[in-house]
């Protein structure tokens, strides 16, 4: 019977070693997971800052685009007005070039 108790004690010690090793591996794994989580959180924070800056940049570009669109529209209107005025001037010049008898008033 004493031998059985000894074997049982040896088995308990062996199980404890296995359990200690398993706990050590688990602890190492948890440490790696925590480190990885911290790294991912830091990257996430950096990416959030980048996204925020990109949103600010986008709003600025939208404003610039709108202002440039308005400028293009104004310049197009100015061009059409100048074209109309030039056409009127050309019409007047061509009227002046006609012989006196053909002039229409």
PDB file of N, CA and C in Angstrom:
ATOM      1  N   UNK A   1       0.819  -1.177   0.000  1.00  0.00           N
ATOM      2  CA  UNK A   1       0.000   0.000   0.000  1.00  0.00           C
ATOM      3  C   UNK A   1       0.865   1.244   0.000  1.00  0.00           C
ATOM      4  N   UNK A   2       1.966   1.201   0.661  1.00  0.00           N
ATOM      5  CA  UNK A   2       2.852   2.353   0.710  1.00  0.00           C
ATOM      6  C   UNK A   2       3.348   2.694  -0.691  1.00  0.00           C
ATOM      7  N   UNK A   3       3.626   1.667  -1.462  1.00  0.00           N
ATOM      8  CA  UNK A   3       4.093   1.883  -2.822  1.00  0.00           C
ATOM      9  C   UNK A   3       3.025   2.604  -3.633  1.00  0.00           C
ATOM     10  N   UNK A   4       1.777   2.218  -3.454  1.00  0.00           N
ATOM     11  CA  UNK A   4       0.686   2.860  -4.176  1.00  0.00           C
ATOM     12  C   UNK A   4       0.625   4.346  -3.845  1.00  0.00           C
ATOM     13  N   UNK A   5       0.769   4.659  -2.576  1.00  0.00           N
ATOM     14  CA  UNK A   5       0.761   6.065  -2.177  1.00  0.00           C
ATOM     15  C   UNK A   5       1.937   6.801  -2.814  1.00  0.00           C
ATOM     16  N   UNK A   6       3.064   6.172  -2.869  1.00  0.00           N
ATOM     17  CA  UNK A   6       4.245   6.782  -3.479  1.00  0.00           C
ATOM     18  C   UNK A   6       4.000   7.047  -4.954  1.00  0.00           C
ATOM     19  N   UNK A   7       3.442   6.043  -5.635  1.00  0.00           N
ATOM     20  CA  UNK A   7       3.144   6.202  -7.057  1.00  0.00           C
ATOM     21  C   UNK A   7       2.114   7.311  -7.267  1.00  0.00           C
ATOM     22  N   UNK A   8       1.145   7.330  -6.392  1.00  0.00           N
ATOM     23  CA  UNK A   8       0.113   8.363  -6.501  1.00  0.00           C
ATOM     24  C   UNK A   8       0.738   9.736  -6.277  1.00  0.00           C
ATOM     25  N   UNK A   9       1.635   9.810  -5.328  1.00  0.00           N
ATOM     26  CA  UNK A   9       2.320  11.078  -5.061  1.00  0.00           C
ATOM     27  C   UNK A   9       3.173  11.459  -6.259  1.00  0.00           C
ATOM     28  N   UNK A  10       3.846  10.477  -6.853  1.00  0.00           N
ATOM     29  CA  UNK A  10       4.667  10.751  -8.037  1.00  0.00           C
ATOM     30  C   UNK A  10       3.786  11.229  -9.182  1.00  0.00           C
ATOM     31  N   UNK A  11       2.649  10.598  -9.311  1.00  0.00           N
ATOM     32  CA  UNK A  11       1.722  11.007 -10.377  1.00  0.00           C
ATOM     33  C   UNK A  11       1.231  12.423 -10.137  1.00  0.00           C
ATOM     34  N   UNK A  12       0.949  12.757  -8.890  1.00  0.00           N
ATOM     35  CA  UNK A  12       0.507  14.113  -8.565  1.00  0.00           C
ATOM     36  C   UNK A  12       1.601  15.109  -8.876  1.00  0.00           C
ATOM     37  N   UNK A  13       2.828  14.776  -8.547  1.00  0.00           N
ATOM     38  CA  UNK A  13       3.954  15.660  -8.850  1.00  0.00           C
ATOM     39  C   UNK A  13       4.102  15.790 -10.358  1.00  0.00           C
ATOM     40  N   UNK A  14       3.982  14.682 -11.066  1.00  0.00           N
ATOM     41  CA  UNK A  14       4.071  14.712 -12.537  1.00  0.00           C
ATOM     42  C   UNK A  14       2.952  15.545 -13.139  1.00  0.00           C
ATOM     43  N   UNK A  15       1.741  15.367 -12.633  1.00  0.00           N
ATOM     44  CA  UNK A  15       0.609  16.162 -13.111  1.00  0.00           C
ATOM     45  C   UNK A  15       0.824  17.639 -12.827  1.00  0.00           C
ATOM     46  N   UNK A  16       1.408  17.889 -11.649  1.00  0.00           N
ATOM     47  CA  UNK A  16       1.647  19.289 -11.286  1.00  0.00           C
ATOM     48  C   UNK A  16       2.671  19.915 -12.232  1.00  0.00           C
ATOM     49  N   UNK A  17       3.684  19.148 -12.607  1.00  0.00           N
ATOM     50  CA  UNK A  17       4.677  19.648 -13.558  1.00  0.00           C
ATOM     51  C   UNK A  17       4.020  19.942 -14.903  1.00  0.00           C
ATOM     52  N   UNK A  18       3.167  19.048 -15.338  1.00  0.00           N
ATOM     53  CA  UNK A  18       2.454  19.251 -16.598  1.00  0.00           C
ATOM     54  C   UNK A  18       1.572  20.488 -16.485  1.00  0.00           C
ATOM     55  N   UNK A  19       0.889  20.595 -15.352  1.00  0.00           N
ATOM     56  CA  UNK A  19       0.018  21.748 -15.137  1.00  0.00           C
ATOM     57  C   UNK A  19       0.836  23.027 -15.078  1.00  0.00           C
ATOM     58  N   UNK A  20       1.986  22.996 -14.386  1.00  0.00           N
ATOM     59  CA  UNK A  20       2.848  24.178 -14.319  1.00  0.00           C
ATOM     60  C   UNK A  20       3.345  24.574 -15.706  1.00  0.00           C
ATOM     61  N   UNK A  21       3.740  23.579 -16.496  1.00  0.00           N
ATOM     62  CA  UNK A  21       4.204  23.863 -17.871  1.00  0.00           C
ATOM     63  C   UNK A  21       3.060  24.437 -18.709  1.00  0.00           C
ATOM     64  N   UNK A  22       1.897  23.834 -18.563  1.00  0.00           N
ATOM     65  CA  UNK A  22       0.738  24.326 -19.324  1.00  0.00           C
ATOM     66  C   UNK A  22       0.392  25.750 -18.909  1.00  0.00           C
ATOM     67  N   UNK A  23       0.446  26.020 -17.615  1.00  0.00           N
ATOM     68  CA  UNK A  23       0.173  27.379 -17.133  1.00  0.00           C
ATOM     69  C   UNK A  23       1.242  28.358 -17.614  1.00  0.00           C
ATOM     70  N   UNK A  24       2.487  27.906 -17.633  1.00  0.00           N
ATOM     71  CA  UNK A  24       3.575  28.771 -18.116  1.00  0.00           C
ATOM     72  C   UNK A  24       3.370  29.091 -19.593  1.00  0.00           C
ATOM     73  N   UNK A  25       3.019  28.073 -20.386  1.00  0.00           N
ATOM     74  CA  UNK A  25       2.750  28.305 -21.821  1.00  0.00           C
ATOM     75  C   UNK A  25       1.556  29.234 -22.002  1.00  0.00           C
ATOM     76  N   UNK A  26       0.528  29.020 -21.196  1.00  0.00           N
ATOM     77  CA  UNK A  26      -0.656  29.877 -21.264  1.00  0.00           C
ATOM     78  C   UNK A  26      -0.295  31.315 -20.908  1.00  0.00           C
ATOM     79  N   UNK A  27       0.524  31.457 -19.851  1.00  0.00           N
ATOM     80  CA  UNK A  27       0.947  32.793 -19.437  1.00  0.00           C
ATOM     81  C   UNK A  27       1.761  33.470 -20.551  1.00  0.00           C
ATOM     82  N   UNK A  28       2.679  32.732 -21.164  1.00  0.00           N
ATOM     83  CA  UNK A  28       3.466  33.271 -22.268  1.00  0.00           C
ATOM     84  C   UNK A  28       2.557  33.686 -23.429  1.00  0.00           C
ATOM     85  N   UNK A  29       1.602  32.830 -23.715  1.00  0.00           N
ATOM     86  CA  UNK A  29       0.655  33.150 -24.790  1.00  0.00           C
ATOM     87  C   UNK A  29      -0.132  34.415 -24.467  1.00  0.00           C
ATOM     88  N   UNK A  30      -0.583  34.534 -23.220  1.00  0.00           N
ATOM     89  CA  UNK A  30      -1.337  35.715 -22.810  1.00  0.00           C
ATOM     90  C   UNK A  30      -0.477  36.972 -22.880  1.00  0.00           C
ATOM     91  N   UNK A  31       0.781  36.853 -22.496  1.00  0.00           N
ATOM     92  CA  UNK A  31       1.692  38.000 -22.578  1.00  0.00           C
ATOM     93  C   UNK A  31       1.839  38.431 -24.032  1.00  0.00           C
ATOM     94  N   UNK A  32       2.026  37.467 -24.929  1.00  0.00           N
ATOM     95  CA  UNK A  32       2.138  37.791 -26.366  1.00  0.00           C
ATOM     96  C   UNK A  32       0.848  38.428 -26.885  1.00  0.00           C
ATOM     97  N   UNK A  33      -0.285  37.891 -26.448  1.00  0.00           N
ATOM     98  CA  UNK A  33      -1.576  38.444 -26.876  1.00  0.00           C
ATOM     99  C   UNK A  33      -1.734  39.879 -26.388  1.00  0.00           C
ATOM    100  N   UNK A  34      -1.371  40.124 -25.127  1.00  0.00           N
ATOM    101  CA  UNK A  34      -1.477  41.476 -24.567  1.00  0.00           C
ATOM    102  C   UNK A  34      -0.552  42.428 -25.318  1.00  0.00           C
ATOM    103  N   UNK A  35       0.687  42.005 -25.592  1.00  0.00           N
ATOM    104  CA  UNK A  35       1.622  42.846 -26.348  1.00  0.00           C
ATOM    105  C   UNK A  35       1.088  43.134 -27.744  1.00  0.00           C
ATOM    106  N   UNK A  36       0.566  42.099 -28.383  1.00  0.00           N
ATOM    107  CA  UNK A  36      -0.006  42.276 -29.721  1.00  0.00           C
ATOM    108  C   UNK A  36      -1.211  43.207 -29.669  1.00  0.00           C
ATOM    109  N   UNK A  37      -2.035  43.059 -28.654  1.00  0.00           N
ATOM    110  CA  UNK A  37      -3.203  43.917 -28.502  1.00  0.00           C
ATOM    111  C   UNK A  37      -2.790  45.379 -28.321  1.00  0.00           C
ATOM    112  N   UNK A  38      -1.756  45.609 -27.498  1.00  0.00           N
ATOM    113  CA  UNK A  38      -1.256  46.972 -27.310  1.00  0.00           C
ATOM    114  C   UNK A  38      -0.737  47.538 -28.634  1.00  0.00           C
ATOM    115  N   UNK A  39      -0.027  46.718 -29.372  1.00  0.00           N
ATOM    116  CA  UNK A  39       0.512  47.158 -30.664  1.00  0.00           C
ATOM    117  C   UNK A  39      -0.630  47.506 -31.626  1.00  0.00           C
ATOM    118  N   UNK A  40      -1.631  46.643 -31.687  1.00  0.00           N
ATOM    119  CA  UNK A  40      -2.776  46.878 -32.572  1.00  0.00           C
ATOM    120  C   UNK A  40      -3.539  48.133 -32.137  1.00  0.00           C
ATOM    121  N   UNK A  41      -3.688  48.331 -30.837  1.00  0.00           N
ATOM    122  CA  UNK A  41      -4.378  49.529 -30.346  1.00  0.00           C
ATOM    123  C   UNK A  41      -3.602  50.786 -30.714  1.00  0.00           C
ATOM    124  N   UNK A  42      -2.276  50.743 -30.609  1.00  0.00           N
ATOM    125  CA  UNK A  42      -1.451  51.896 -30.982  1.00  0.00           C
ATOM    126  C   UNK A  42      -1.581  52.172 -32.480  1.00  0.00           C
ATOM    127  N   UNK A  43      -1.520  51.115 -33.298  1.00  0.00           N
ATOM    128  CA  UNK A  43      -1.683  51.283 -34.746  1.00  0.00           C
ATOM    129  C   UNK A  43      -3.072  51.825 -35.061  1.00  0.00           C
ATOM    130  N   UNK A  44      -4.065  51.311 -34.364  1.00  0.00           N
ATOM    131  CA  UNK A  44      -5.442  51.764 -34.565  1.00  0.00           C
ATOM    132  C   UNK A  44      -5.559  53.253 -34.249  1.00  0.00           C
ATOM    133  N   UNK A  45      -4.929  53.672 -33.170  1.00  0.00           N
ATOM    134  CA  UNK A  45      -4.952  55.080 -32.783  1.00  0.00           C
ATOM    135  C   UNK A  45      -4.284  55.939 -33.859  1.00  0.00           C
ATOM    136  N   UNK A  46      -3.130  55.478 -34.350  1.00  0.00           N
ATOM    137  CA  UNK A  46      -2.431  56.206 -35.417  1.00  0.00           C
ATOM    138  C   UNK A  46      -3.299  56.287 -36.672  1.00  0.00           C
ATOM    139  N   UNK A  47      -3.935  55.190 -37.019  1.00  0.00           N
ATOM    140  CA  UNK A  47      -4.777  55.167 -38.220  1.00  0.00           C
ATOM    141  C   UNK A  47      -5.997  56.075 -38.058  1.00  0.00           C
ATOM    142  N   UNK A  48      -6.544  56.130 -36.859  1.00  0.00           N
ATOM    143  CA  UNK A  48      -7.670  57.039 -36.604  1.00  0.00           C
ATOM    144  C   UNK A  48      -7.235  58.488 -36.804  1.00  0.00           C
ATOM    145  N   UNK A  49      -6.024  58.811 -36.365  1.00  0.00           N
ATOM    146  CA  UNK A  49      -5.500  60.167 -36.555  1.00  0.00           C
ATOM    147  C   UNK A  49      -5.310  60.457 -38.048  1.00  0.00           C
ATOM    148  N   UNK A  50      -4.813  59.473 -38.785  1.00  0.00           N
ATOM    149  CA  UNK A  50      -4.639  59.642 -40.230  1.00  0.00           C
ATOM    150  C   UNK A  50      -5.990  59.841 -40.894  1.00  0.00           C
ATOM    151  N   UNK A  51      -6.963  59.038 -40.529  1.00  0.00           N
ATOM    152  CA  UNK A  51      -8.312  59.158 -41.102  1.00  0.00           C
ATOM    153  C   UNK A  51      -8.887  60.538 -40.799  1.00  0.00           C
ATOM    154  N   UNK A  52      -8.710  60.999 -39.575  1.00  0.00           N
ATOM    155  CA  UNK A  52      -9.216  62.322 -39.199  1.00  0.00           C
ATOM    156  C   UNK A  52      -8.559  63.409 -40.044  1.00  0.00           C
ATOM    157  N   UNK A  53      -7.247  63.310 -40.235  1.00  0.00           N
ATOM    158  CA  UNK A  53      -6.540  64.307 -41.053  1.00  0.00           C
ATOM    159  C   UNK A  53      -7.013  64.236 -42.503  1.00  0.00           C
ATOM    160  N   UNK A  54      -7.245  63.032 -42.996  1.00  0.00           N
ATOM    161  CA  UNK A  54      -7.746  62.876 -44.365  1.00  0.00           C
ATOM    162  C   UNK A  54      -9.136  63.494 -44.515  1.00  0.00           C
ATOM    163  N   UNK A  55      -9.956  63.372 -43.492  1.00  0.00           N
ATOM    164  CA  UNK A  55     -11.290  63.996 -43.539  1.00  0.00           C
ATOM    165  C   UNK A  55     -11.161  65.508 -43.601  1.00  0.00           C
ATOM    166  N   UNK A  56     -10.240  66.064 -42.805  1.00  0.00           N
ATOM    167  CA  UNK A  56     -10.010  67.518 -42.827  1.00  0.00           C
ATOM    168  C   UNK A  56      -9.510  67.936 -44.210  1.00  0.00           C
ATOM    169  N   UNK A  57      -8.547  67.179 -44.731  1.00  0.00           N
ATOM    170  CA  UNK A  57      -8.017  67.478 -46.060  1.00  0.00           C
ATOM    171  C   UNK A  57      -9.105  67.397 -47.124  1.00  0.00           C
ATOM    172  N   UNK A  58      -9.974  66.396 -47.009  1.00  0.00           N
ATOM    173  CA  UNK A  58     -11.063  66.231 -47.969  1.00  0.00           C
ATOM    174  C   UNK A  58     -11.992  67.435 -47.948  1.00  0.00           C
ATOM    175  N   UNK A  59     -12.342  67.908 -46.759  1.00  0.00           N
ATOM    176  CA  UNK A  59     -13.216  69.074 -46.653  1.00  0.00           C
ATOM    177  C   UNK A  59     -12.560  70.303 -47.273  1.00  0.00           C
ATOM    178  N   UNK A  60     -11.260  70.468 -47.045  1.00  0.00           N
ATOM    179  CA  UNK A  60     -10.546  71.596 -47.643  1.00  0.00           C
ATOM    180  C   UNK A  60     -10.553  71.487 -49.159  1.00  0.00           C
ATOM    181  N   UNK A  61     -10.316  70.283 -49.674  1.00  0.00           N
ATOM    182  CA  UNK A  61     -10.314  70.080 -51.127  1.00  0.00           C
ATOM    183  C   UNK A  61     -11.705  70.313 -51.723  1.00  0.00           C
ATOM    184  N   UNK A  62     -12.742  69.916 -50.986  1.00  0.00           N
ATOM    185  CA  UNK A  62     -14.110  70.176 -51.466  1.00  0.00           C
ATOM    186  C   UNK A  62     -14.356  71.680 -51.582  1.00  0.00           C
ATOM    187  N   UNK A  63     -13.912  72.434 -50.572  1.00  0.00           N
ATOM    188  CA  UNK A  63     -14.081  73.889 -50.606  1.00  0.00           C
ATOM    189  C   UNK A  63     -13.308  74.491 -51.773  1.00  0.00           C
ATOM    190  N   UNK A  64     -12.060  74.043 -51.952  1.00  0.00           N
ATOM    191  CA  UNK A  64     -11.254  74.526 -53.073  1.00  0.00           C
ATOM    192  C   UNK A  64     -11.916  74.180 -54.400  1.00  0.00           C
ATOM    193  N   UNK A  65     -12.418  72.974 -54.506  1.00  0.00           N
ATOM    194  CA  UNK A  65     -13.064  72.529 -55.736  1.00  0.00           C
ATOM    195  C   UNK A  65     -14.293  73.382 -56.032  1.00  0.00           C
ATOM    196  N   UNK A  66     -15.075  73.651 -55.000  1.00  0.00           N
ATOM    197  CA  UNK A  66     -16.266  74.482 -55.161  1.00  0.00           C
ATOM    198  C   UNK A  66     -15.874  75.886 -55.613  1.00  0.00           C
ATOM    199  N   UNK A  67     -14.856  76.458 -54.968  1.00  0.00           N
ATOM    200  CA  UNK A  67     -14.399  77.806 -55.335  1.00  0.00           C
ATOM    201  C   UNK A  67     -13.884  77.822 -56.769  1.00  0.00           C
ATOM    202  N   UNK A  68     -13.144  76.804 -57.159  1.00  0.00           N
ATOM    203  CA  UNK A  68     -12.621  76.735 -58.525  1.00  0.00           C
ATOM    204  C   UNK A  68     -13.755  76.536 -59.523  1.00  0.00           C
ATOM    205  N   UNK A  69     -14.767  75.767 -59.138  1.00  0.00           N
ATOM    206  CA  UNK A  69     -15.929  75.587 -60.009  1.00  0.00           C
ATOM    207  C   UNK A  69     -16.655  76.905 -60.233  1.00  0.00           C
ATOM    208  N   UNK A  70     -16.798  77.670 -59.150  1.00  0.00           N
ATOM    209  CA  UNK A  70     -17.443  78.985 -59.277  1.00  0.00           C
ATOM    210  C   UNK A  70     -16.605  79.909 -60.153  1.00  0.00           C
ATOM    211  N   UNK A  71     -15.280  79.860 -60.000  1.00  0.00           N
ATOM    212  CA  UNK A  71     -14.393  80.681 -60.822  1.00  0.00           C
ATOM    213  C   UNK A  71     -14.498  80.280 -62.286  1.00  0.00           C
ATOM    214  N   UNK A  72     -14.524  78.989 -62.551  1.00  0.00           N
ATOM    215  CA  UNK A  72     -14.661  78.506 -63.934  1.00  0.00           C
ATOM    216  C   UNK A  72     -15.970  78.997 -64.530  1.00  0.00           C
ATOM    217  N   UNK A  73     -17.048  78.920 -63.759  1.00  0.00           N
ATOM    218  CA  UNK A  73     -18.355  79.386 -64.241  1.00  0.00           C
ATOM    219  C   UNK A  73     -18.306  80.886 -64.544  1.00  0.00           C
ATOM    220  N   UNK A  74     -17.698  81.658 -63.662  1.00  0.00           N
ATOM    221  CA  UNK A  74     -17.566  83.109 -63.875  1.00  0.00           C
ATOM    222  C   UNK A  74     -16.743  83.389 -65.127  1.00  0.00           C
ATOM    223  N   UNK A  75     -15.625  82.699 -65.272  1.00  0.00           N
ATOM    224  CA  UNK A  75     -14.774  82.906 -66.446  1.00  0.00           C
ATOM    225  C   UNK A  75     -15.495  82.510 -67.735  1.00  0.00           C
ATOM    226  N   UNK A  76     -16.276  81.455 -67.678  1.00  0.00           N
ATOM    227  CA  UNK A  76     -17.057  81.035 -68.848  1.00  0.00           C
ATOM    228  C   UNK A  76     -18.078  82.115 -69.216  1.00  0.00           C
ATOM    229  N   UNK A  77     -18.755  82.662 -68.204  1.00  0.00           N
ATOM    230  CA  UNK A  77     -19.707  83.749 -68.453  1.00  0.00           C
ATOM    231  C   UNK A  77     -19.000  84.981 -69.013  1.00  0.00           C
ATOM    232  N   UNK A  78     -17.838  85.307 -68.452  1.00  0.00           N
ATOM    233  CA  UNK A  78     -17.052  86.436 -68.964  1.00  0.00           C
ATOM    234  C   UNK A  78     -16.653  86.193 -70.414  1.00  0.00           C
ATOM    235  N   UNK A  79     -16.227  84.977 -70.720  1.00  0.00           N
ATOM    236  CA  UNK A  79     -15.833  84.632 -72.090  1.00  0.00           C
ATOM    237  C   UNK A  79     -17.008  84.795 -73.047  1.00  0.00           C
ATOM    238  N   UNK A  80     -18.178  84.327 -72.633  1.00  0.00           N
ATOM    239  CA  UNK A  80     -19.355  84.460 -73.499  1.00  0.00           C
ATOM    240  C   UNK A  80     -19.723  85.929 -73.699  1.00  0.00           C
ATOM    241  N   UNK A  81     -19.615  86.722 -72.648  1.00  0.00           N
ATOM    242  CA  UNK A  81     -19.907  88.155 -72.764  1.00  0.00           C
ATOM    243  C   UNK A  81     -18.913  88.834 -73.710  1.00  0.00           C
ATOM    244  N   UNK A  82     -17.640  88.515 -73.536  1.00  0.00           N
ATOM    245  CA  UNK A  82     -16.618  89.102 -74.417  1.00  0.00           C
ATOM    246  C   UNK A  82     -16.843  88.661 -75.850  1.00  0.00           C
ATOM    247  N   UNK A  83     -17.184  87.421 -76.059  1.00  0.00           N
ATOM    248  CA  UNK A  83     -17.445  86.914 -77.412  1.00  0.00           C
ATOM    249  C   UNK A  83     -18.609  87.671 -78.042  1.00  0.00           C
ATOM    250  N   UNK A  84     -19.654  87.859 -77.265  1.00  0.00           N
ATOM    251  CA  UNK A  84     -20.816  88.587 -77.766  1.00  0.00           C
ATOM    252  C   UNK A  84     -20.437  90.017 -78.140  1.00  0.00           C
ATOM    253  N   UNK A  85     -19.670  90.671 -77.311  1.00  0.00           N
ATOM    254  CA  UNK A  85     -19.255  92.048 -77.579  1.00  0.00           C
ATOM    255  C   UNK A  85     -18.357  92.117 -78.807  1.00  0.00           C
ATOM    256  N   UNK A  86     -17.431  91.142 -78.941  1.00  0.00           N
ATOM    257  CA  UNK A  86     -16.548  91.104 -80.115  1.00  0.00           C
ATOM    258  C   UNK A  86     -17.377  90.895 -81.379  1.00  0.00           C
ATOM    259  N   UNK A  87     -18.370  90.010 -81.324  1.00  0.00           N
ATOM    260  CA  UNK A  87     -19.226  89.782 -82.492  1.00  0.00           C
ATOM    261  C   UNK A  87     -19.970  91.070 -82.883  1.00  0.00           C
ATOM    262  N   UNK A  88     -20.429  91.826 -81.890  1.00  0.00           N
ATOM    263  CA  UNK A  88     -21.105  93.097 -82.172  1.00  0.00           C
ATOM    264  C   UNK A  88     -20.130  94.087 -82.823  1.00  0.00           C
ATOM    265  N   UNK A  89     -18.908  94.121 -82.300  1.00  0.00           N
ATOM    266  CA  UNK A  89     -17.898  95.013 -82.874  1.00  0.00           C
ATOM    267  C   UNK A  89     -17.598  94.609 -84.309  1.00  0.00           C
ATOM    268  N   UNK A  90     -17.458  93.316 -84.563  1.00  0.00           N
ATOM    269  CA  UNK A  90     -17.189  92.824 -85.921  1.00  0.00           C
ATOM    270  C   UNK A  90     -18.343  93.202 -86.845  1.00  0.00           C
ATOM    271  N   UNK A  91     -19.565  93.070 -86.350  1.00  0.00           N
ATOM    272  CA  UNK A  91     -20.734  93.448 -87.158  1.00  0.00           C
ATOM    273  C   UNK A  91     -20.673  94.939 -87.493  1.00  0.00           C
ATOM    274  N   UNK A  92     -20.349  95.782 -86.534  1.00  0.00           N
ATOM    275  CA  UNK A  92     -20.242  97.225 -86.787  1.00  0.00           C
ATOM    276  C   UNK A  92     -19.133  97.530 -87.771  1.00  0.00           C
ATOM    277  N   UNK A  93     -17.988  96.843 -87.622  1.00  0.00           N
ATOM    278  CA  UNK A  93     -16.864  97.064 -88.540  1.00  0.00           C
ATOM    279  C   UNK A  93     -17.255  96.649 -89.946  1.00  0.00           C
ATOM    280  N   UNK A  94     -17.914  95.505 -90.093  1.00  0.00           N
ATOM    281  CA  UNK A  94     -18.307  95.057 -91.426  1.00  0.00           C
ATOM    282  C   UNK A  94     -19.331  96.011 -92.039  1.00  0.00           C
ATOM    283  N   UNK A  95     -20.150  96.639 -91.217  1.00  0.00           N
ATOM    284  CA  UNK A  95     -21.104  97.642 -91.703  1.00  0.00           C
ATOM    285  C   UNK A  95     -20.346  98.860 -92.225  1.00  0.00           C
ATOM    286  N   UNK A  96     -19.296  99.252 -91.547  1.00  0.00           N
ATOM    287  CA  UNK A  96     -18.492 100.401 -91.964  1.00  0.00           C
ATOM    288  C   UNK A  96     -17.727 100.124 -93.246  1.00  0.00           C
ATOM    289  N   UNK A  97     -17.396  98.894 -93.515  1.00  0.00           N
ATOM    290  CA  UNK A  97     -16.627  98.530 -94.690  1.00  0.00           C
ATOM    291  C   UNK A  97     -17.491  98.498 -95.961  1.00  0.00           C
ATOM    292  N   UNK A  98     -18.782  98.415 -95.833  1.00  0.00           N
ATOM    293  CA  UNK A  98     -19.657  98.378 -97.015  1.00  0.00           C
ATOM    294  C   UNK A  98     -19.645  99.744 -97.706  1.00  0.00           C
ATOM    295  N   UNK A  99     -19.876  99.730 -99.011  1.00  0.00           N
ATOM    296  CA  UNK A  99     -19.997 101.009 -99.702  1.00  0.00           C
ATOM    297  C   UNK A  99     -21.169 101.805 -99.141  1.00  0.00           C
ATOM    298  N   UNK A 100     -21.099 103.098 -99.273  1.00  0.00           N
ATOM    299  CA  UNK A 100     -22.065 103.998 -98.674  1.00  0.00           C
ATOM    300  C   UNK A 100     -23.480 103.667 -99.093  1.00  0.00           C
ATOM    301  N   UNK A 101     -23.699 103.266-100.305  1.00  0.00           N
ATOM    302  CA  UNK A 101     -25.034 102.958-100.780  1.00  0.00           C
ATOM    303  C   UNK A 101     -25.610 101.705-100.166  1.00  0.00           C
ATOM    304  N   UNK A 102     -24.772 100.790 -99.696  1.00  0.00           N
ATOM    305  CA  UNK A 102     -25.250  99.531 -99.167  1.00  0.00           C
ATOM    306  C   UNK A 102     -25.425  99.560 -97.636  1.00  0.00           C
ATOM    307  N   UNK A 103     -24.996 100.609 -97.023  1.00  0.00           N
ATOM    308  CA  UNK A 103     -25.059 100.678 -95.569  1.00  0.00           C
ATOM    309  C   UNK A 103     -26.503 100.643 -95.096  1.00  0.00           C
ATOM    310  N   UNK A 104     -26.773  99.884 -94.075  1.00  0.00           N
ATOM    311  CA  UNK A 104     -28.112  99.784 -93.504  1.00  0.00           C
ATOM    312  C   UNK A 104     -28.091 100.401 -92.120  1.00  0.00           C
ATOM    313  N   UNK A 105     -29.027 101.294 -91.941  1.00  0.00           N
ATOM    314  CA  UNK A 105     -29.128 101.946 -90.637  1.00  0.00           C
ATOM    315  C   UNK A 105     -30.432 101.681 -90.020  1.00  0.00           C
TER     316      UNK A 105
END
